[in-house]
Amino acid sequence: MTVKRQVRSDSFKFKVALEAVKDLKTVSQIASDYQVNPGQVSKWKKHLQSQGASIFKTKPDSSQQQQEKKEAELYEQIGRLKMELEWLKKKV
């Protein structure tokens, strides 16, 4: 009989890794509390320690920059349409 792999959410992984980083409990205790393999807890902990600094990076990611650019274009278009509407109201 095969066992289906469990897929854990990112928030769950972060919570477990954060608890492991705090060092209030051993990795084995944390693993038994959350019913996860101790090796997996160690991997998540290492990943959090190595990639944790990227959370505080100052550069916005490209998707956020694209969204801001699109918003600026839309506001510009709204302004143009308002001007045209006012002009048409005066003409009629």
C-alpha atoms as a PDB file:
ATOM      1  CA  MET A   1       0.000   0.000   0.000  1.00  0.00           C
ATOM      2  CA  THR A   2       1.415   3.374  -0.967  1.00  0.00           C
ATOM      3  CA  VAL A   3       1.341   6.383   1.300  1.00  0.00           C
ATOM      4  CA  LYS A   4       0.360   9.717  -0.198  1.00  0.00           C
ATOM      5  CA  ARG A   5       2.782  12.568   0.490  1.00  0.00           C
ATOM      6  CA  GLN A   6       1.457  15.394   2.586  1.00  0.00           C
ATOM      7  CA  VAL A   7       1.686  18.877   1.153  1.00  0.00           C
ATOM      8  CA  ARG A   8       2.294  21.532   3.784  1.00  0.00           C
ATOM      9  CA  SER A   9       1.371  25.170   3.362  1.00  0.00           C
ATOM     10  CA  ASP A  10       3.997  27.889   3.370  1.00  0.00           C
ATOM     11  CA  SER A  11       2.585  29.393   6.556  1.00  0.00           C
ATOM     12  CA  PHE A  12       2.831  26.015   8.306  1.00  0.00           C
ATOM     13  CA  LYS A  13       6.447  25.601   7.201  1.00  0.00           C
ATOM     14  CA  PHE A  14       7.269  29.116   8.373  1.00  0.00           C
ATOM     15  CA  LYS A  15       5.645  28.520  11.754  1.00  0.00           C
ATOM     16  CA  VAL A  16       7.560  25.270  12.312  1.00  0.00           C
ATOM     17  CA  ALA A  17      10.862  26.766  11.096  1.00  0.00           C
ATOM     18  CA  LEU A  18      10.413  29.829  13.290  1.00  0.00           C
ATOM     19  CA  GLU A  19       9.820  27.671  16.315  1.00  0.00           C
ATOM     20  CA  ALA A  20      12.955  25.685  15.460  1.00  0.00           C
ATOM     21  CA  VAL A  21      14.991  28.887  15.160  1.00  0.00           C
ATOM     22  CA  LYS A  22      13.832  30.023  18.604  1.00  0.00           C
ATOM     23  CA  ASP A  23      15.572  26.941  20.141  1.00  0.00           C
ATOM     24  CA  LEU A  24      13.041  26.637  22.959  1.00  0.00           C
ATOM     25  CA  LYS A  25      12.499  22.973  22.078  1.00  0.00           C
ATOM     26  CA  THR A  26      14.645  20.413  20.350  1.00  0.00           C
ATOM     27  CA  VAL A  27      14.044  19.605  16.705  1.00  0.00           C
ATOM     28  CA  SER A  28      12.705  16.186  17.716  1.00  0.00           C
ATOM     29  CA  GLN A  29      10.171  17.731  20.090  1.00  0.00           C
ATOM     30  CA  ILE A  30       8.993  20.185  17.440  1.00  0.00           C
ATOM     31  CA  ALA A  31       8.743  17.378  14.889  1.00  0.00           C
ATOM     32  CA  SER A  32       6.620  15.269  17.193  1.00  0.00           C
ATOM     33  CA  ASP A  33       4.388  18.238  18.081  1.00  0.00           C
ATOM     34  CA  TYR A  34       3.654  18.979  14.434  1.00  0.00           C
ATOM     35  CA  GLN A  35       3.886  15.356  13.214  1.00  0.00           C
ATOM     36  CA  VAL A  36       6.713  16.114  10.783  1.00  0.00           C
ATOM     37  CA  ASN A  37      10.008  14.355  10.131  1.00  0.00           C
ATOM     38  CA  PRO A  38      12.874  15.910  12.175  1.00  0.00           C
ATOM     39  CA  GLY A  39      15.026  16.090   9.054  1.00  0.00           C
ATOM     40  CA  GLN A  40      12.340  18.164   7.360  1.00  0.00           C
ATOM     41  CA  VAL A  41      12.217  20.539  10.322  1.00  0.00           C
ATOM     42  CA  SER A  42      15.981  20.992  10.048  1.00  0.00           C
ATOM     43  CA  LYS A  43      15.698  21.729   6.308  1.00  0.00           C
ATOM     44  CA  TRP A  44      12.997  24.319   6.890  1.00  0.00           C
ATOM     45  CA  LYS A  45      15.074  25.888   9.662  1.00  0.00           C
ATOM     46  CA  LYS A  46      18.161  26.145   7.416  1.00  0.00           C
ATOM     47  CA  HIS A  47      16.058  27.561   4.599  1.00  0.00           C
ATOM     48  CA  LEU A  48      14.594  30.214   6.905  1.00  0.00           C
ATOM     49  CA  GLN A  49      18.020  31.162   8.202  1.00  0.00           C
ATOM     50  CA  SER A  50      19.547  31.426   4.730  1.00  0.00           C
ATOM     51  CA  GLN A  51      16.621  33.063   2.903  1.00  0.00           C
ATOM     52  CA  GLY A  52      15.150  35.052   5.795  1.00  0.00           C
ATOM     53  CA  ALA A  53      17.058  38.211   4.912  1.00  0.00           C
ATOM     54  CA  SER A  54      15.264  38.419   1.562  1.00  0.00           C
ATOM     55  CA  ILE A  55      12.064  39.275   3.436  1.00  0.00           C
ATOM     56  CA  PHE A  56      13.490  42.678   4.267  1.00  0.00           C
ATOM     57  CA  LYS A  57      14.922  43.539   0.863  1.00  0.00           C
ATOM     58  CA  THR A  58      14.317  47.138  -0.126  1.00  0.00           C
ATOM     59  CA  LYS A  59      13.770  46.658  -3.863  1.00  0.00           C
ATOM     60  CA  PRO A  60      10.170  45.931  -4.787  1.00  0.00           C
ATOM     61  CA  ASP A  61       9.760  42.863  -6.941  1.00  0.00           C
ATOM     62  CA  SER A  62       9.031  43.175 -10.626  1.00  0.00           C
ATOM     63  CA  SER A  63       5.333  42.321 -10.310  1.00  0.00           C
ATOM     64  CA  GLN A  64       4.836  45.194  -7.876  1.00  0.00           C
ATOM     65  CA  GLN A  65       6.685  47.572 -10.196  1.00  0.00           C
ATOM     66  CA  GLN A  66       4.521  46.461 -13.120  1.00  0.00           C
ATOM     67  CA  GLN A  67       1.385  46.991 -11.083  1.00  0.00           C
ATOM     68  CA  GLU A  68       2.471  50.520 -10.079  1.00  0.00           C
ATOM     69  CA  LYS A  69       3.278  51.341 -13.713  1.00  0.00           C
ATOM     70  CA  LYS A  70      -0.120  50.070 -14.854  1.00  0.00           C
ATOM     71  CA  GLU A  71      -1.877  52.097 -12.133  1.00  0.00           C
ATOM     72  CA  ALA A  72      -0.061  55.248 -13.257  1.00  0.00           C
ATOM     73  CA  GLU A  73      -1.140  54.647 -16.862  1.00  0.00           C
ATOM     74  CA  LEU A  74      -4.744  54.083 -15.798  1.00  0.00           C
ATOM     75  CA  TYR A  75      -4.823  57.275 -13.719  1.00  0.00           C
ATOM     76  CA  GLU A  76      -3.421  59.139 -16.713  1.00  0.00           C
ATOM     77  CA  GLN A  77      -6.149  57.698 -18.918  1.00  0.00           C
ATOM     78  CA  ILE A  78      -8.822  58.642 -16.366  1.00  0.00           C
ATOM     79  CA  GLY A  79      -7.554  62.213 -16.384  1.00  0.00           C
ATOM     80  CA  ARG A  80      -7.648  62.374 -20.184  1.00  0.00           C
ATOM     81  CA  LEU A  81     -11.184  60.962 -20.297  1.00  0.00           C
ATOM     82  CA  LYS A  82     -12.396  63.463 -17.709  1.00  0.00           C
ATOM     83  CA  MET A  83     -10.935  66.302 -19.752  1.00  0.00           C
ATOM     84  CA  GLU A  84     -12.636  64.996 -22.912  1.00  0.00           C
ATOM     85  CA  LEU A  85     -15.946  64.623 -21.076  1.00  0.00           C
ATOM     86  CA  GLU A  86     -15.797  68.193 -19.791  1.00  0.00           C
ATOM     87  CA  TRP A  87     -14.948  69.457 -23.268  1.00  0.00           C
ATOM     88  CA  LEU A  88     -17.869  67.534 -24.794  1.00  0.00           C
ATOM     89  CA  LYS A  89     -20.257  68.869 -22.135  1.00  0.00           C
ATOM     90  CA  LYS A  90     -19.250  72.415 -23.013  1.00  0.00           C
ATOM     91  CA  LYS A  91     -19.692  71.773 -26.747  1.00  0.00           C
ATOM     92  CA  VAL A  92     -23.185  70.338 -26.376  1.00  0.00           C
END
